[in-house]
Amino acid sequence: MAKNLNFKVKNAQLAQALDLNKKKKDLAKKRAEAQKARVEANDTANQNKAVTLKPIPPQNSEEAREAAAAAAAAEAAVAAEAAT
């Protein structure tokens, strides 16, 4: 009878150990799913960020031509300096 009781105790301990392992696996799976959900939520939040652009003030055509000429002159000066 003591032997039978000993087997019952061992079986109960094995059952508890198996149940604990199952719970650990379930918890690990839930943690992985939660981490994946957090990463996806973070990616979505990054994609949904609004970008506000400053409006470009209108220039009259004369100012635009002068700015383009100044840029071309500066570029030509850099090219001439590089050639020497």
N, C-alpha and C. Protein backbone atom coordinates (compact mmCIF):
# COMPACT_ATOMS: atom_id res chain seq x y z
N MET A 1 0.81 -1.18 0.00
CA MET A 1 0.00 0.00 0.00
C MET A 1 0.87 1.26 0.00
N ALA A 2 1.98 1.22 0.74
CA ALA A 2 2.88 2.36 0.76
C ALA A 2 3.49 2.59 -0.61
N LYS A 3 3.76 1.47 -1.30
CA LYS A 3 4.33 1.57 -2.64
C LYS A 3 3.33 2.23 -3.58
N ASN A 4 2.07 1.86 -3.48
CA ASN A 4 1.02 2.44 -4.30
C ASN A 4 0.89 3.94 -4.03
N LEU A 5 0.98 4.31 -2.77
CA LEU A 5 0.90 5.72 -2.39
C LEU A 5 2.10 6.49 -2.94
N ASN A 6 3.26 5.84 -2.91
CA ASN A 6 4.47 6.45 -3.44
C ASN A 6 4.31 6.74 -4.94
N PHE A 7 3.73 5.79 -5.68
CA PHE A 7 3.50 5.98 -7.12
C PHE A 7 2.51 7.12 -7.36
N LYS A 8 1.49 7.20 -6.53
CA LYS A 8 0.50 8.27 -6.69
C LYS A 8 1.15 9.64 -6.47
N VAL A 9 2.04 9.72 -5.49
CA VAL A 9 2.73 10.98 -5.21
C VAL A 9 3.62 11.35 -6.39
N LYS A 10 4.37 10.37 -6.91
CA LYS A 10 5.25 10.64 -8.04
C LYS A 10 4.43 11.04 -9.26
N ASN A 11 3.32 10.37 -9.50
CA ASN A 11 2.47 10.71 -10.63
C ASN A 11 1.92 12.13 -10.49
N ALA A 12 1.55 12.48 -9.27
CA ALA A 12 1.03 13.83 -9.03
C ALA A 12 2.13 14.87 -9.26
N GLN A 13 3.34 14.55 -8.82
CA GLN A 13 4.45 15.48 -9.03
C GLN A 13 4.76 15.64 -10.52
N LEU A 14 4.73 14.53 -11.25
CA LEU A 14 4.96 14.59 -12.70
C LEU A 14 3.86 15.40 -13.39
N ALA A 15 2.64 15.19 -12.96
CA ALA A 15 1.52 15.93 -13.55
C ALA A 15 1.67 17.43 -13.29
N GLN A 16 2.09 17.78 -12.08
CA GLN A 16 2.30 19.19 -11.77
C GLN A 16 3.44 19.78 -12.61
N ALA A 17 4.51 19.00 -12.76
CA ALA A 17 5.65 19.47 -13.55
C ALA A 17 5.24 19.67 -15.01
N LEU A 18 4.49 18.73 -15.56
CA LEU A 18 4.03 18.85 -16.94
C LEU A 18 3.10 20.06 -17.09
N ASP A 19 2.23 20.24 -16.12
CA ASP A 19 1.31 21.38 -16.16
C ASP A 19 2.09 22.69 -16.08
N LEU A 20 3.13 22.72 -15.26
CA LEU A 20 3.95 23.92 -15.13
C LEU A 20 4.68 24.21 -16.44
N ASN A 21 5.22 23.17 -17.08
CA ASN A 21 5.89 23.36 -18.36
C ASN A 21 4.92 23.89 -19.41
N LYS A 22 3.70 23.37 -19.40
CA LYS A 22 2.69 23.83 -20.35
C LYS A 22 2.38 25.30 -20.11
N LYS A 23 2.26 25.67 -18.83
CA LYS A 23 1.98 27.07 -18.50
C LYS A 23 3.14 27.97 -18.92
N LYS A 24 4.37 27.49 -18.76
CA LYS A 24 5.53 28.28 -19.17
C LYS A 24 5.53 28.48 -20.68
N LYS A 25 5.20 27.43 -21.43
CA LYS A 25 5.15 27.54 -22.89
C LYS A 25 4.05 28.50 -23.31
N ASP A 26 2.89 28.41 -22.66
CA ASP A 26 1.78 29.32 -22.99
C ASP A 26 2.17 30.77 -22.70
N LEU A 27 2.84 30.98 -21.58
CA LEU A 27 3.26 32.32 -21.22
C LEU A 27 4.28 32.86 -22.22
N ALA A 28 5.22 32.01 -22.64
CA ALA A 28 6.22 32.44 -23.62
C ALA A 28 5.54 32.80 -24.94
N LYS A 29 4.54 32.01 -25.32
CA LYS A 29 3.82 32.29 -26.57
C LYS A 29 3.06 33.62 -26.46
N LYS A 30 2.43 33.85 -25.31
CA LYS A 30 1.69 35.10 -25.11
C LYS A 30 2.64 36.30 -25.11
N ARG A 31 3.81 36.13 -24.50
CA ARG A 31 4.79 37.22 -24.50
C ARG A 31 5.26 37.53 -25.91
N ALA A 32 5.51 36.49 -26.71
CA ALA A 32 5.94 36.70 -28.09
C ALA A 32 4.86 37.42 -28.89
N GLU A 33 3.60 37.02 -28.70
CA GLU A 33 2.50 37.67 -29.40
C GLU A 33 2.36 39.12 -28.97
N ALA A 34 2.52 39.38 -27.68
CA ALA A 34 2.42 40.76 -27.18
C ALA A 34 3.55 41.62 -27.73
N GLN A 35 4.75 41.05 -27.81
CA GLN A 35 5.89 41.79 -28.37
C GLN A 35 5.64 42.10 -29.84
N LYS A 36 5.13 41.12 -30.56
CA LYS A 36 4.83 41.33 -31.98
C LYS A 36 3.77 42.42 -32.15
N ALA A 37 2.76 42.40 -31.31
CA ALA A 37 1.71 43.43 -31.37
C ALA A 37 2.28 44.81 -31.06
N ARG A 38 3.20 44.88 -30.08
CA ARG A 38 3.82 46.16 -29.75
C ARG A 38 4.64 46.69 -30.92
N VAL A 39 5.40 45.81 -31.58
CA VAL A 39 6.21 46.23 -32.72
C VAL A 39 5.32 46.72 -33.86
N GLU A 40 4.25 45.99 -34.13
CA GLU A 40 3.33 46.39 -35.20
C GLU A 40 2.67 47.72 -34.86
N ALA A 41 2.29 47.92 -33.61
CA ALA A 41 1.67 49.18 -33.21
C ALA A 41 2.65 50.33 -33.34
N ASN A 42 3.91 50.07 -32.99
CA ASN A 42 4.93 51.11 -33.11
C ASN A 42 5.16 51.46 -34.58
N ASP A 43 5.22 50.45 -35.45
CA ASP A 43 5.40 50.70 -36.88
C ASP A 43 4.24 51.51 -37.44
N THR A 44 3.03 51.16 -37.04
CA THR A 44 1.85 51.88 -37.51
C THR A 44 1.88 53.32 -37.02
N ALA A 45 2.28 53.52 -35.78
CA ALA A 45 2.34 54.88 -35.23
C ALA A 45 3.37 55.70 -35.99
N ASN A 46 4.49 55.09 -36.35
CA ASN A 46 5.51 55.81 -37.10
C ASN A 46 5.02 56.16 -38.50
N GLN A 47 4.24 55.28 -39.11
CA GLN A 47 3.74 55.53 -40.45
C GLN A 47 2.67 56.61 -40.45
N ASN A 48 1.93 56.74 -39.37
CA ASN A 48 0.80 57.66 -39.33
C ASN A 48 1.16 59.06 -38.84
N LYS A 49 2.42 59.33 -38.62
CA LYS A 49 2.80 60.65 -38.13
C LYS A 49 2.55 61.68 -39.23
N ALA A 50 1.89 62.74 -38.87
CA ALA A 50 1.60 63.80 -39.83
C ALA A 50 2.84 64.66 -40.04
N VAL A 51 3.05 65.04 -41.26
CA VAL A 51 4.17 65.90 -41.59
C VAL A 51 3.60 67.24 -42.04
N THR A 52 4.02 68.28 -41.37
CA THR A 52 3.54 69.60 -41.77
C THR A 52 4.67 70.31 -42.51
N LEU A 53 4.37 70.81 -43.65
CA LEU A 53 5.35 71.51 -44.46
C LEU A 53 5.09 73.01 -44.37
N LYS A 54 6.16 73.75 -44.33
CA LYS A 54 6.02 75.19 -44.33
C LYS A 54 5.69 75.64 -45.75
N PRO A 55 4.75 76.52 -45.89
CA PRO A 55 4.44 76.98 -47.25
C PRO A 55 5.60 77.80 -47.82
N ILE A 56 5.84 77.61 -49.09
CA ILE A 56 6.90 78.35 -49.76
C ILE A 56 6.34 79.71 -50.16
N PRO A 57 6.99 80.75 -49.73
CA PRO A 57 6.46 82.07 -50.09
C PRO A 57 6.60 82.30 -51.60
N PRO A 58 5.62 82.93 -52.20
CA PRO A 58 5.70 83.15 -53.65
C PRO A 58 6.78 84.18 -53.97
N GLN A 59 7.52 83.91 -55.03
CA GLN A 59 8.55 84.83 -55.48
C GLN A 59 8.11 85.39 -56.83
N ASN A 60 8.47 86.62 -57.05
CA ASN A 60 8.17 87.10 -58.39
C ASN A 60 9.24 86.59 -59.34
N SER A 61 8.99 86.62 -60.58
CA SER A 61 9.88 85.99 -61.55
C SER A 61 11.25 86.67 -61.60
N GLU A 62 11.32 87.96 -61.32
CA GLU A 62 12.60 88.66 -61.36
C GLU A 62 13.52 88.17 -60.24
N GLU A 63 12.98 88.00 -59.03
CA GLU A 63 13.77 87.49 -57.91
C GLU A 63 14.24 86.07 -58.18
N ALA A 64 13.39 85.27 -58.79
CA ALA A 64 13.75 83.89 -59.10
C ALA A 64 14.89 83.84 -60.10
N ARG A 65 14.84 84.71 -61.12
CA ARG A 65 15.91 84.75 -62.12
C ARG A 65 17.23 85.19 -61.48
N GLU A 66 17.17 86.17 -60.60
CA GLU A 66 18.38 86.65 -59.92
C GLU A 66 18.98 85.55 -59.04
N ALA A 67 18.14 84.82 -58.34
CA ALA A 67 18.61 83.74 -57.48
C ALA A 67 19.24 82.62 -58.31
N ALA A 68 18.63 82.30 -59.45
CA ALA A 68 19.17 81.26 -60.33
C ALA A 68 20.50 81.71 -60.91
N ALA A 69 20.61 82.98 -61.28
CA ALA A 69 21.86 83.50 -61.84
C ALA A 69 22.96 83.47 -60.79
N ALA A 70 22.63 83.83 -59.55
CA ALA A 70 23.62 83.81 -58.47
C ALA A 70 24.08 82.38 -58.20
N ALA A 71 23.16 81.44 -58.22
CA ALA A 71 23.53 80.04 -58.00
C ALA A 71 24.41 79.53 -59.13
N ALA A 72 24.10 79.90 -60.36
CA ALA A 72 24.90 79.48 -61.51
C ALA A 72 26.29 80.09 -61.44
N ALA A 73 26.39 81.34 -61.02
CA ALA A 73 27.69 82.00 -60.90
C ALA A 73 28.53 81.34 -59.82
N ALA A 74 27.91 81.00 -58.71
CA ALA A 74 28.64 80.33 -57.63
C ALA A 74 29.11 78.95 -58.08
N GLU A 75 28.29 78.25 -58.82
CA GLU A 75 28.66 76.92 -59.32
C GLU A 75 29.81 77.04 -60.31
N ALA A 76 29.77 78.05 -61.17
CA ALA A 76 30.84 78.26 -62.15
C ALA A 76 32.15 78.60 -61.44
N ALA A 77 32.07 79.38 -60.37
CA ALA A 77 33.28 79.74 -59.63
C ALA A 77 33.89 78.51 -58.97
N VAL A 78 33.07 77.66 -58.45
CA VAL A 78 33.57 76.42 -57.82
C VAL A 78 34.20 75.52 -58.87
N ALA A 79 33.58 75.43 -60.05
CA ALA A 79 34.11 74.59 -61.12
C ALA A 79 35.44 75.15 -61.62
N ALA A 80 35.55 76.48 -61.75
CA ALA A 80 36.79 77.09 -62.21
C ALA A 80 37.90 76.89 -61.19
N GLU A 81 37.56 76.99 -59.92
CA GLU A 81 38.55 76.79 -58.87
C GLU A 81 39.03 75.34 -58.83
N ALA A 82 38.12 74.42 -59.10
CA ALA A 82 38.49 73.00 -59.10
C ALA A 82 39.36 72.67 -60.30
N ALA A 83 39.19 73.39 -61.40
CA ALA A 83 39.96 73.12 -62.62
C ALA A 83 41.40 73.58 -62.47
N THR A 84 41.65 74.56 -61.63
CA THR A 84 43.02 75.07 -61.49
C THR A 84 43.81 74.33 -60.48
